[in-house]
């Protein structure tokens, strides 16, 4: 086989390999985007569910401002008794009792 034919064949292989690489890179981007979207949906669902749980314990939630709820939660979670109760309830949930346990939060 002449050198020109070999060179042409190698160039075609390079071109095909580059096409496959571009396709794989696009597929990687698509899958990464899809994973982020699923994570975002999971988080949104969790936030809505937990906010509904909180609201179910508030008296007249429609009359309470976001600032009042925020202040209430800040004060509640600063209590040592709340922190101790959380440690009991969430015992065994990974890092909950790890490096942040007992840390005073602002």
PDB file of N, CA and C in Angstrom:
ATOM      1  N   UNK A   1       0.859  -1.182   0.000  1.00  0.00           N
ATOM      2  CA  UNK A   1       0.000   0.000   0.000  1.00  0.00           C
ATOM      3  C   UNK A   1       0.899   1.237   0.000  1.00  0.00           C
ATOM      4  N   UNK A   2       0.654   2.141  -0.945  1.00  0.00           N
ATOM      5  CA  UNK A   2       1.469   3.359  -1.033  1.00  0.00           C
ATOM      6  C   UNK A   2       1.304   4.223   0.215  1.00  0.00           C
ATOM      7  N   UNK A   3       2.304   5.059   0.452  1.00  0.00           N
ATOM      8  CA  UNK A   3       2.340   5.928   1.630  1.00  0.00           C
ATOM      9  C   UNK A   3       1.143   6.886   1.646  1.00  0.00           C
ATOM     10  N   UNK A   4       0.762   7.420   0.497  1.00  0.00           N
ATOM     11  CA  UNK A   4      -0.370   8.350   0.431  1.00  0.00           C
ATOM     12  C   UNK A   4      -1.666   7.690   0.877  1.00  0.00           C
ATOM     13  N   UNK A   5      -1.867   6.451   0.484  1.00  0.00           N
ATOM     14  CA  UNK A   5      -3.077   5.734   0.882  1.00  0.00           C
ATOM     15  C   UNK A   5      -3.084   5.497   2.395  1.00  0.00           C
ATOM     16  N   UNK A   6      -1.933   5.121   2.938  1.00  0.00           N
ATOM     17  CA  UNK A   6      -1.829   4.898   4.384  1.00  0.00           C
ATOM     18  C   UNK A   6      -2.110   6.193   5.136  1.00  0.00           C
ATOM     19  N   UNK A   7      -1.535   7.272   4.633  1.00  0.00           N
ATOM     20  CA  UNK A   7      -1.734   8.572   5.273  1.00  0.00           C
ATOM     21  C   UNK A   7      -3.197   8.983   5.212  1.00  0.00           C
ATOM     22  N   UNK A   8      -3.840   8.773   4.081  1.00  0.00           N
ATOM     23  CA  UNK A   8      -5.246   9.108   3.927  1.00  0.00           C
ATOM     24  C   UNK A   8      -6.107   8.255   4.867  1.00  0.00           C
ATOM     25  N   UNK A   9      -5.788   6.984   4.961  1.00  0.00           N
ATOM     26  CA  UNK A   9      -6.536   6.087   5.846  1.00  0.00           C
ATOM     27  C   UNK A   9      -6.373   6.530   7.309  1.00  0.00           C
ATOM     28  N   UNK A  10      -5.167   6.877   7.703  1.00  0.00           N
ATOM     29  CA  UNK A  10      -4.920   7.352   9.066  1.00  0.00           C
ATOM     30  C   UNK A  10      -5.668   8.651   9.346  1.00  0.00           C
ATOM     31  N   UNK A  11      -5.688   9.556   8.379  1.00  0.00           N
ATOM     32  CA  UNK A  11      -6.423  10.816   8.538  1.00  0.00           C
ATOM     33  C   UNK A  11      -7.925  10.555   8.695  1.00  0.00           C
ATOM     34  N   UNK A  12      -8.452   9.595   7.944  1.00  0.00           N
ATOM     35  CA  UNK A  12      -9.865   9.235   8.079  1.00  0.00           C
ATOM     36  C   UNK A  12     -10.147   8.655   9.466  1.00  0.00           C
ATOM     37  N   UNK A  13      -9.241   7.818   9.961  1.00  0.00           N
ATOM     38  CA  UNK A  13      -9.399   7.246  11.299  1.00  0.00           C
ATOM     39  C   UNK A  13      -9.370   8.346  12.365  1.00  0.00           C
ATOM     40  N   UNK A  14      -8.480   9.307  12.182  1.00  0.00           N
ATOM     41  CA  UNK A  14      -8.396  10.432  13.120  1.00  0.00           C
ATOM     42  C   UNK A  14      -9.709  11.210  13.104  1.00  0.00           C
ATOM     43  N   UNK A  15     -10.225  11.470  11.917  1.00  0.00           N
ATOM     44  CA  UNK A  15     -11.480  12.218  11.787  1.00  0.00           C
ATOM     45  C   UNK A  15     -12.634  11.468  12.454  1.00  0.00           C
ATOM     46  N   UNK A  16     -12.723  10.158  12.216  1.00  0.00           N
ATOM     47  CA  UNK A  16     -13.775   9.347  12.838  1.00  0.00           C
ATOM     48  C   UNK A  16     -13.627   9.335  14.357  1.00  0.00           C
ATOM     49  N   UNK A  17     -12.420   9.203  14.837  1.00  0.00           N
ATOM     50  CA  UNK A  17     -12.168   9.191  16.282  1.00  0.00           C
ATOM     51  C   UNK A  17     -12.522  10.535  16.903  1.00  0.00           C
ATOM     52  N   UNK A  18     -12.220  11.619  16.215  1.00  0.00           N
ATOM     53  CA  UNK A  18     -12.574  12.954  16.714  1.00  0.00           C
ATOM     54  C   UNK A  18     -14.095  13.134  16.762  1.00  0.00           C
ATOM     55  N   UNK A  19     -14.808  12.589  15.765  1.00  0.00           N
ATOM     56  CA  UNK A  19     -16.273  12.642  15.773  1.00  0.00           C
ATOM     57  C   UNK A  19     -16.817  11.899  16.986  1.00  0.00           C
ATOM     58  N   UNK A  20     -16.278  10.701  17.231  1.00  0.00           N
ATOM     59  CA  UNK A  20     -16.712   9.909  18.386  1.00  0.00           C
ATOM     60  C   UNK A  20     -16.427  10.647  19.688  1.00  0.00           C
ATOM     61  N   UNK A  21     -15.276  11.303  19.749  1.00  0.00           N
ATOM     62  CA  UNK A  21     -14.912  12.059  20.945  1.00  0.00           C
ATOM     63  C   UNK A  21     -15.888  13.212  21.167  1.00  0.00           C
ATOM     64  N   UNK A  22     -16.202  13.969  20.105  1.00  0.00           N
ATOM     65  CA  UNK A  22     -17.161  15.075  20.226  1.00  0.00           C
ATOM     66  C   UNK A  22     -18.528  14.570  20.673  1.00  0.00           C
ATOM     67  N   UNK A  23     -18.969  13.430  20.115  1.00  0.00           N
ATOM     68  CA  UNK A  23     -20.250  12.851  20.505  1.00  0.00           C
ATOM     69  C   UNK A  23     -20.229  12.469  21.985  1.00  0.00           C
ATOM     70  N   UNK A  24     -19.136  11.846  22.425  1.00  0.00           N
ATOM     71  CA  UNK A  24     -19.023  11.430  23.826  1.00  0.00           C
ATOM     72  C   UNK A  24     -19.006  12.643  24.753  1.00  0.00           C
ATOM     73  N   UNK A  25     -18.341  13.711  24.348  1.00  0.00           N
ATOM     74  CA  UNK A  25     -18.310  14.928  25.166  1.00  0.00           C
ATOM     75  C   UNK A  25     -19.704  15.549  25.261  1.00  0.00           C
ATOM     76  N   UNK A  26     -20.438  15.564  24.154  1.00  0.00           N
ATOM     77  CA  UNK A  26     -21.806  16.092  24.176  1.00  0.00           C
ATOM     78  C   UNK A  26     -22.708  15.224  25.041  1.00  0.00           C
ATOM     79  N   UNK A  27     -22.536  13.913  24.964  1.00  0.00           N
ATOM     80  CA  UNK A  27     -23.319  12.992  25.782  1.00  0.00           C
ATOM     81  C   UNK A  27     -23.004  13.198  27.268  1.00  0.00           C
ATOM     82  N   UNK A  28     -21.746  13.420  27.574  1.00  0.00           N
ATOM     83  CA  UNK A  28     -21.345  13.683  28.961  1.00  0.00           C
ATOM     84  C   UNK A  28     -22.015  14.961  29.474  1.00  0.00           C
ATOM     85  N   UNK A  29     -22.008  16.006  28.672  1.00  0.00           N
ATOM     86  CA  UNK A  29     -22.665  17.260  29.059  1.00  0.00           C
ATOM     87  C   UNK A  29     -24.157  17.054  29.270  1.00  0.00           C
ATOM     88  N   UNK A  30     -24.782  16.303  28.376  1.00  0.00           N
ATOM     89  CA  UNK A  30     -26.216  16.045  28.478  1.00  0.00           C
ATOM     90  C   UNK A  30     -26.534  15.277  29.762  1.00  0.00           C
ATOM     91  N   UNK A  31     -25.755  14.258  30.059  1.00  0.00           N
ATOM     92  CA  UNK A  31     -25.989  13.459  31.258  1.00  0.00           C
ATOM     93  C   UNK A  31     -25.717  14.263  32.530  1.00  0.00           C
ATOM     94  N   UNK A  32     -24.694  15.094  32.503  1.00  0.00           N
ATOM     95  CA  UNK A  32     -24.392  15.949  33.658  1.00  0.00           C
ATOM     96  C   UNK A  32     -25.544  16.909  33.898  1.00  0.00           C
ATOM     97  N   UNK A  33     -26.058  17.503  32.832  1.00  0.00           N
ATOM     98  CA  UNK A  33     -27.198  18.425  32.954  1.00  0.00           C
ATOM     99  C   UNK A  33     -28.425  17.693  33.500  1.00  0.00           C
ATOM    100  N   UNK A  34     -28.642  16.482  33.010  1.00  0.00           N
ATOM    101  CA  UNK A  34     -29.785  15.683  33.454  1.00  0.00           C
ATOM    102  C   UNK A  34     -29.655  15.342  34.944  1.00  0.00           C
ATOM    103  N   UNK A  35     -28.453  14.993  35.389  1.00  0.00           N
ATOM    104  CA  UNK A  35     -28.233  14.676  36.804  1.00  0.00           C
ATOM    105  C   UNK A  35     -28.471  15.903  37.675  1.00  0.00           C
ATOM    106  N   UNK A  36     -28.002  17.063  37.218  1.00  0.00           N
ATOM    107  CA  UNK A  36     -28.229  18.299  37.981  1.00  0.00           C
ATOM    108  C   UNK A  36     -29.717  18.616  38.073  1.00  0.00           C
ATOM    109  N   UNK A  37     -30.435  18.410  36.990  1.00  0.00           N
ATOM    110  CA  UNK A  37     -31.877  18.682  36.993  1.00  0.00           C
ATOM    111  C   UNK A  37     -32.601  17.764  37.971  1.00  0.00           C
ATOM    112  N   UNK A  38     -32.217  16.486  38.002  1.00  0.00           N
ATOM    113  CA  UNK A  38     -32.838  15.548  38.933  1.00  0.00           C
ATOM    114  C   UNK A  38     -32.528  15.931  40.379  1.00  0.00           C
ATOM    115  N   UNK A  39     -31.293  16.315  40.647  1.00  0.00           N
ATOM    116  CA  UNK A  39     -30.907  16.737  41.989  1.00  0.00           C
ATOM    117  C   UNK A  39     -31.695  17.969  42.403  1.00  0.00           C
ATOM    118  N   UNK A  40     -31.856  18.907  41.482  1.00  0.00           N
ATOM    119  CA  UNK A  40     -32.612  20.132  41.755  1.00  0.00           C
ATOM    120  C   UNK A  40     -34.077  19.801  42.045  1.00  0.00           C
ATOM    121  N   UNK A  41     -34.651  18.870  41.281  1.00  0.00           N
ATOM    122  CA  UNK A  41     -36.037  18.469  41.500  1.00  0.00           C
ATOM    123  C   UNK A  41     -36.202  17.797  42.858  1.00  0.00           C
ATOM    124  N   UNK A  42     -35.241  16.935  43.210  1.00  0.00           N
ATOM    125  CA  UNK A  42     -35.286  16.277  44.526  1.00  0.00           C
ATOM    126  C   UNK A  42     -35.235  17.311  45.640  1.00  0.00           C
ATOM    127  N   UNK A  43     -34.348  18.291  45.507  1.00  0.00           N
ATOM    128  CA  UNK A  43     -34.208  19.328  46.533  1.00  0.00           C
ATOM    129  C   UNK A  43     -35.476  20.163  46.629  1.00  0.00           C
ATOM    130  N   UNK A  44     -36.037  20.533  45.493  1.00  0.00           N
ATOM    131  CA  UNK A  44     -37.271  21.321  45.488  1.00  0.00           C
ATOM    132  C   UNK A  44     -38.399  20.544  46.164  1.00  0.00           C
ATOM    133  N   UNK A  45     -38.498  19.270  45.851  1.00  0.00           N
ATOM    134  CA  UNK A  45     -39.532  18.443  46.470  1.00  0.00           C
ATOM    135  C   UNK A  45     -39.323  18.370  47.986  1.00  0.00           C
ATOM    136  N   UNK A  46     -38.076  18.164  48.409  1.00  0.00           N
ATOM    137  CA  UNK A  46     -37.759  18.091  49.842  1.00  0.00           C
ATOM    138  C   UNK A  46     -38.102  19.404  50.533  1.00  0.00           C
ATOM    139  N   UNK A  47     -37.734  20.523  49.923  1.00  0.00           N
ATOM    140  CA  UNK A  47     -38.025  21.828  50.520  1.00  0.00           C
ATOM    141  C   UNK A  47     -39.524  22.062  50.655  1.00  0.00           C
ATOM    142  N   UNK A  48     -40.266  21.735  49.623  1.00  0.00           N
ATOM    143  CA  UNK A  48     -41.727  21.928  49.676  1.00  0.00           C
ATOM    144  C   UNK A  48     -42.354  21.029  50.736  1.00  0.00           C
ATOM    145  N   UNK A  49     -41.923  19.792  50.791  1.00  0.00           N
ATOM    146  CA  UNK A  49     -42.469  18.845  51.764  1.00  0.00           C
ATOM    147  C   UNK A  49     -42.188  19.303  53.190  1.00  0.00           C
ATOM    148  N   UNK A  50     -40.950  19.691  53.445  1.00  0.00           N
ATOM    149  CA  UNK A  50     -40.578  20.084  54.808  1.00  0.00           C
ATOM    150  C   UNK A  50     -41.192  21.426  55.200  1.00  0.00           C
ATOM    151  N   UNK A  51     -41.316  22.322  54.237  1.00  0.00           N
ATOM    152  CA  UNK A  51     -41.973  23.605  54.530  1.00  0.00           C
ATOM    153  C   UNK A  51     -43.439  23.362  54.881  1.00  0.00           C
ATOM    154  N   UNK A  52     -44.069  22.433  54.201  1.00  0.00           N
ATOM    155  CA  UNK A  52     -45.469  22.097  54.505  1.00  0.00           C
ATOM    156  C   UNK A  52     -45.569  21.494  55.899  1.00  0.00           C
ATOM    157  N   UNK A  53     -44.583  20.675  56.262  1.00  0.00           N
ATOM    158  CA  UNK A  53     -44.573  20.102  57.611  1.00  0.00           C
ATOM    159  C   UNK A  53     -44.478  21.204  58.663  1.00  0.00           C
ATOM    160  N   UNK A  54     -43.557  22.140  58.456  1.00  0.00           N
ATOM    161  CA  UNK A  54     -43.394  23.250  59.396  1.00  0.00           C
ATOM    162  C   UNK A  54     -44.677  24.056  59.485  1.00  0.00           C
ATOM    163  N   UNK A  55     -45.240  24.375  58.345  1.00  0.00           N
ATOM    164  CA  UNK A  55     -46.438  25.206  58.312  1.00  0.00           C
ATOM    165  C   UNK A  55     -47.613  24.543  59.033  1.00  0.00           C
ATOM    166  N   UNK A  56     -47.644  23.223  59.016  1.00  0.00           N
ATOM    167  CA  UNK A  56     -48.756  22.524  59.674  1.00  0.00           C
ATOM    168  C   UNK A  56     -48.732  22.721  61.192  1.00  0.00           C
ATOM    169  N   UNK A  57     -47.587  23.119  61.761  1.00  0.00           N
ATOM    170  CA  UNK A  57     -47.477  23.333  63.207  1.00  0.00           C
ATOM    171  C   UNK A  57     -47.606  24.801  63.606  1.00  0.00           C
ATOM    172  N   UNK A  58     -47.661  25.690  62.631  1.00  0.00           N
ATOM    173  CA  UNK A  58     -47.751  27.114  62.934  1.00  0.00           C
ATOM    174  C   UNK A  58     -49.205  27.539  63.069  1.00  0.00           C
ATOM    175  N   UNK A  59     -49.491  28.360  64.076  1.00  0.00           N
ATOM    176  CA  UNK A  59     -50.854  28.866  64.201  1.00  0.00           C
ATOM    177  C   UNK A  59     -51.093  29.950  63.143  1.00  0.00           C
ATOM    178  N   UNK A  60     -52.121  29.818  62.378  1.00  0.00           N
ATOM    179  CA  UNK A  60     -52.479  30.790  61.335  1.00  0.00           C
ATOM    180  C   UNK A  60     -51.266  31.153  60.471  1.00  0.00           C
ATOM    181  N   UNK A  61     -50.710  30.185  59.751  1.00  0.00           N
ATOM    182  CA  UNK A  61     -49.488  30.428  58.972  1.00  0.00           C
ATOM    183  C   UNK A  61     -49.620  31.550  57.947  1.00  0.00           C
ATOM    184  N   UNK A  62     -50.827  31.784  57.463  1.00  0.00           N
ATOM    185  CA  UNK A  62     -51.011  32.851  56.468  1.00  0.00           C
ATOM    186  C   UNK A  62     -50.818  34.229  57.081  1.00  0.00           C
ATOM    187  N   UNK A  63     -50.916  34.335  58.411  1.00  0.00           N
ATOM    188  CA  UNK A  63     -50.786  35.630  59.087  1.00  0.00           C
ATOM    189  C   UNK A  63     -49.363  35.883  59.589  1.00  0.00           C
ATOM    190  N   UNK A  64     -48.491  34.902  59.447  1.00  0.00           N
ATOM    191  CA  UNK A  64     -47.118  35.024  59.952  1.00  0.00           C
ATOM    192  C   UNK A  64     -46.200  35.397  58.790  1.00  0.00           C
ATOM    193  N   UNK A  65     -45.282  36.329  59.038  1.00  0.00           N
ATOM    194  CA  UNK A  65     -44.347  36.745  57.985  1.00  0.00           C
ATOM    195  C   UNK A  65     -43.167  35.779  57.912  1.00  0.00           C
ATOM    196  N   UNK A  66     -42.471  35.816  56.790  1.00  0.00           N
ATOM    197  CA  UNK A  66     -41.267  35.001  56.637  1.00  0.00           C
ATOM    198  C   UNK A  66     -40.226  35.379  57.691  1.00  0.00           C
ATOM    199  N   UNK A  67     -40.129  36.664  57.987  1.00  0.00           N
ATOM    200  CA  UNK A  67     -39.169  37.136  58.986  1.00  0.00           C
ATOM    201  C   UNK A  67     -39.490  36.572  60.368  1.00  0.00           C
ATOM    202  N   UNK A  68     -40.780  36.488  60.698  1.00  0.00           N
ATOM    203  CA  UNK A  68     -41.167  35.929  61.991  1.00  0.00           C
ATOM    204  C   UNK A  68     -40.826  34.438  62.074  1.00  0.00           C
ATOM    205  N   UNK A  69     -41.072  33.722  61.008  1.00  0.00           N
ATOM    206  CA  UNK A  69     -40.722  32.299  60.989  1.00  0.00           C
ATOM    207  C   UNK A  69     -39.218  32.136  61.107  1.00  0.00           C
ATOM    208  N   UNK A  70     -38.467  32.938  60.380  1.00  0.00           N
ATOM    209  CA  UNK A  70     -37.008  32.873  60.442  1.00  0.00           C
ATOM    210  C   UNK A  70     -36.506  33.151  61.855  1.00  0.00           C
ATOM    211  N   UNK A  71     -37.024  34.183  62.494  1.00  0.00           N
ATOM    212  CA  UNK A  71     -36.627  34.514  63.856  1.00  0.00           C
ATOM    213  C   UNK A  71     -36.973  33.370  64.810  1.00  0.00           C
ATOM    214  N   UNK A  72     -38.166  32.819  64.676  1.00  0.00           N
ATOM    215  CA  UNK A  72     -38.591  31.712  65.522  1.00  0.00           C
ATOM    216  C   UNK A  72     -37.627  30.532  65.379  1.00  0.00           C
ATOM    217  N   UNK A  73     -37.287  30.177  64.151  1.00  0.00           N
ATOM    218  CA  UNK A  73     -36.395  29.043  63.922  1.00  0.00           C
ATOM    219  C   UNK A  73     -34.996  29.323  64.457  1.00  0.00           C
ATOM    220  N   UNK A  74     -34.502  30.547  64.276  1.00  0.00           N
ATOM    221  CA  UNK A  74     -33.179  30.902  64.812  1.00  0.00           C
ATOM    222  C   UNK A  74     -33.152  30.742  66.322  1.00  0.00           C
ATOM    223  N   UNK A  75     -34.175  31.260  66.969  1.00  0.00           N
ATOM    224  CA  UNK A  75     -34.236  31.165  68.441  1.00  0.00           C
ATOM    225  C   UNK A  75     -34.385  29.708  68.875  1.00  0.00           C
ATOM    226  N   UNK A  76     -35.222  28.964  68.197  1.00  0.00           N
ATOM    227  CA  UNK A  76     -35.456  27.569  68.532  1.00  0.00           C
ATOM    228  C   UNK A  76     -34.174  26.739  68.416  1.00  0.00           C
ATOM    229  N   UNK A  77     -33.450  26.924  67.327  1.00  0.00           N
ATOM    230  CA  UNK A  77     -32.265  26.108  67.088  1.00  0.00           C
ATOM    231  C   UNK A  77     -31.047  26.560  67.883  1.00  0.00           C
ATOM    232  N   UNK A  78     -31.123  27.685  68.541  1.00  0.00           N
ATOM    233  CA  UNK A  78     -30.048  28.113  69.437  1.00  0.00           C
ATOM    234  C   UNK A  78     -30.148  27.444  70.802  1.00  0.00           C
ATOM    235  N   UNK A  79     -31.294  26.899  71.107  1.00  0.00           N
ATOM    236  CA  UNK A  79     -31.519  26.266  72.403  1.00  0.00           C
ATOM    237  C   UNK A  79     -30.716  24.966  72.500  1.00  0.00           C
ATOM    238  N   UNK A  80     -29.992  24.798  73.615  1.00  0.00           N
ATOM    239  CA  UNK A  80     -29.258  23.560  73.825  1.00  0.00           C
ATOM    240  C   UNK A  80     -30.194  22.363  73.860  1.00  0.00           C
ATOM    241  N   UNK A  81     -31.371  22.540  74.435  1.00  0.00           N
ATOM    242  CA  UNK A  81     -32.325  21.430  74.509  1.00  0.00           C
ATOM    243  C   UNK A  81     -32.758  20.991  73.110  1.00  0.00           C
ATOM    244  N   UNK A  82     -32.903  21.934  72.201  1.00  0.00           N
ATOM    245  CA  UNK A  82     -33.261  21.594  70.823  1.00  0.00           C
ATOM    246  C   UNK A  82     -32.137  20.814  70.172  1.00  0.00           C
ATOM    247  N   UNK A  83     -30.900  21.262  70.366  1.00  0.00           N
ATOM    248  CA  UNK A  83     -29.744  20.592  69.787  1.00  0.00           C
ATOM    249  C   UNK A  83     -29.631  19.163  70.325  1.00  0.00           C
ATOM    250  N   UNK A  84     -29.853  18.998  71.631  1.00  0.00           N
ATOM    251  CA  UNK A  84     -29.781  17.666  72.228  1.00  0.00           C
ATOM    252  C   UNK A  84     -30.889  16.764  71.680  1.00  0.00           C
ATOM    253  N   UNK A  85     -32.073  17.300  71.554  1.00  0.00           N
ATOM    254  CA  UNK A  85     -33.184  16.536  71.018  1.00  0.00           C
ATOM    255  C   UNK A  85     -32.911  16.120  69.573  1.00  0.00           C
ATOM    256  N   UNK A  86     -32.366  17.031  68.780  1.00  0.00           N
ATOM    257  CA  UNK A  86     -32.030  16.717  67.394  1.00  0.00           C
ATOM    258  C   UNK A  86     -31.001  15.589  67.341  1.00  0.00           C
ATOM    259  N   UNK A  87     -30.014  15.636  68.214  1.00  0.00           N
ATOM    260  CA  UNK A  87     -28.995  14.582  68.238  1.00  0.00           C
ATOM    261  C   UNK A  87     -29.621  13.232  68.547  1.00  0.00           C
ATOM    262  N   UNK A  88     -30.589  13.203  69.438  1.00  0.00           N
ATOM    263  CA  UNK A  88     -31.272  11.944  69.752  1.00  0.00           C
ATOM    264  C   UNK A  88     -32.119  11.472  68.574  1.00  0.00           C
ATOM    265  N   UNK A  89     -32.888  12.379  68.009  1.00  0.00           N
ATOM    266  CA  UNK A  89     -33.791  12.014  66.913  1.00  0.00           C
ATOM    267  C   UNK A  89     -33.014  11.582  65.677  1.00  0.00           C
ATOM    268  N   UNK A  90     -31.933  12.279  65.372  1.00  0.00           N
ATOM    269  CA  UNK A  90     -31.194  12.004  64.145  1.00  0.00           C
ATOM    270  C   UNK A  90     -29.960  11.140  64.370  1.00  0.00           C
ATOM    271  N   UNK A  91     -29.852  10.489  65.506  1.00  0.00           N
ATOM    272  CA  UNK A  91     -28.698   9.627  65.791  1.00  0.00           C
ATOM    273  C   UNK A  91     -28.572   8.578  64.685  1.00  0.00           C
ATOM    274  N   UNK A  92     -27.353   8.411  64.212  1.00  0.00           N
ATOM    275  CA  UNK A  92     -27.115   7.422  63.163  1.00  0.00           C
ATOM    276  C   UNK A  92     -27.310   7.934  61.758  1.00  0.00           C
ATOM    277  N   UNK A  93     -27.598   9.221  61.589  1.00  0.00           N
ATOM    278  CA  UNK A  93     -27.779   9.789  60.246  1.00  0.00           C
ATOM    279  C   UNK A  93     -26.477  10.384  59.725  1.00  0.00           C
ATOM    280  N   UNK A  94     -25.450   9.595  59.627  1.00  0.00           N
ATOM    281  CA  UNK A  94     -24.198  10.058  59.024  1.00  0.00           C
ATOM    282  C   UNK A  94     -23.444  11.025  59.902  1.00  0.00           C
ATOM    283  N   UNK A  95     -23.111  12.192  59.342  1.00  0.00           N
ATOM    284  CA  UNK A  95     -22.247  13.174  60.008  1.00  0.00           C
ATOM    285  C   UNK A  95     -22.995  14.111  60.934  1.00  0.00           C
ATOM    286  N   UNK A  96     -24.272  13.865  61.198  1.00  0.00           N
ATOM    287  CA  UNK A  96     -25.030  14.819  62.010  1.00  0.00           C
ATOM    288  C   UNK A  96     -24.333  15.086  63.327  1.00  0.00           C
ATOM    289  N   UNK A  97     -23.779  14.040  63.962  1.00  0.00           N
ATOM    290  CA  UNK A  97     -23.122  14.206  65.242  1.00  0.00           C
ATOM    291  C   UNK A  97     -21.607  14.384  65.057  1.00  0.00           C
ATOM    292  N   UNK A  98     -21.199  14.630  63.846  1.00  0.00           N
ATOM    293  CA  UNK A  98     -19.776  14.763  63.531  1.00  0.00           C
ATOM    294  C   UNK A  98     -19.194  16.078  63.980  1.00  0.00           C
ATOM    295  N   UNK A  99     -18.388  16.672  63.137  1.00  0.00           N
ATOM    296  CA  UNK A  99     -17.610  17.847  63.498  1.00  0.00           C
ATOM    297  C   UNK A  99     -18.457  19.053  63.885  1.00  0.00           C
ATOM    298  N   UNK A 100     -19.705  19.158  63.396  1.00  0.00           N
ATOM    299  CA  UNK A 100     -20.541  20.311  63.707  1.00  0.00           C
ATOM    300  C   UNK A 100     -21.362  20.130  64.984  1.00  0.00           C
ATOM    301  N   UNK A 101     -21.377  18.931  65.559  1.00  0.00           N
ATOM    302  CA  UNK A 101     -22.203  18.666  66.737  1.00  0.00           C
ATOM    303  C   UNK A 101     -21.741  19.557  67.874  1.00  0.00           C
ATOM    304  N   UNK A 102     -22.673  20.182  68.534  1.00  0.00           N
ATOM    305  CA  UNK A 102     -22.349  21.021  69.676  1.00  0.00           C
ATOM    306  C   UNK A 102     -21.830  22.394  69.308  1.00  0.00           C
ATOM    307  N   UNK A 103     -21.598  22.642  68.039  1.00  0.00           N
ATOM    308  CA  UNK A 103     -21.093  23.951  67.616  1.00  0.00           C
ATOM    309  C   UNK A 103     -22.203  24.982  67.778  1.00  0.00           C
ATOM    310  N   UNK A 104     -21.864  26.098  68.359  1.00  0.00           N
ATOM    311  CA  UNK A 104     -22.837  27.187  68.510  1.00  0.00           C
ATOM    312  C   UNK A 104     -23.006  27.857  67.158  1.00  0.00           C
ATOM    313  N   UNK A 105     -24.224  27.929  66.736  1.00  0.00           N
ATOM    314  CA  UNK A 105     -24.513  28.575  65.445  1.00  0.00           C
ATOM    315  C   UNK A 105     -24.990  29.988  65.695  1.00  0.00           C
ATOM    316  N   UNK A 106     -24.661  30.917  64.792  1.00  0.00           N
ATOM    317  CA  UNK A 106     -25.078  32.312  64.971  1.00  0.00           C
ATOM    318  C   UNK A 106     -26.580  32.478  64.950  1.00  0.00           C
TER     319      UNK A 106
END
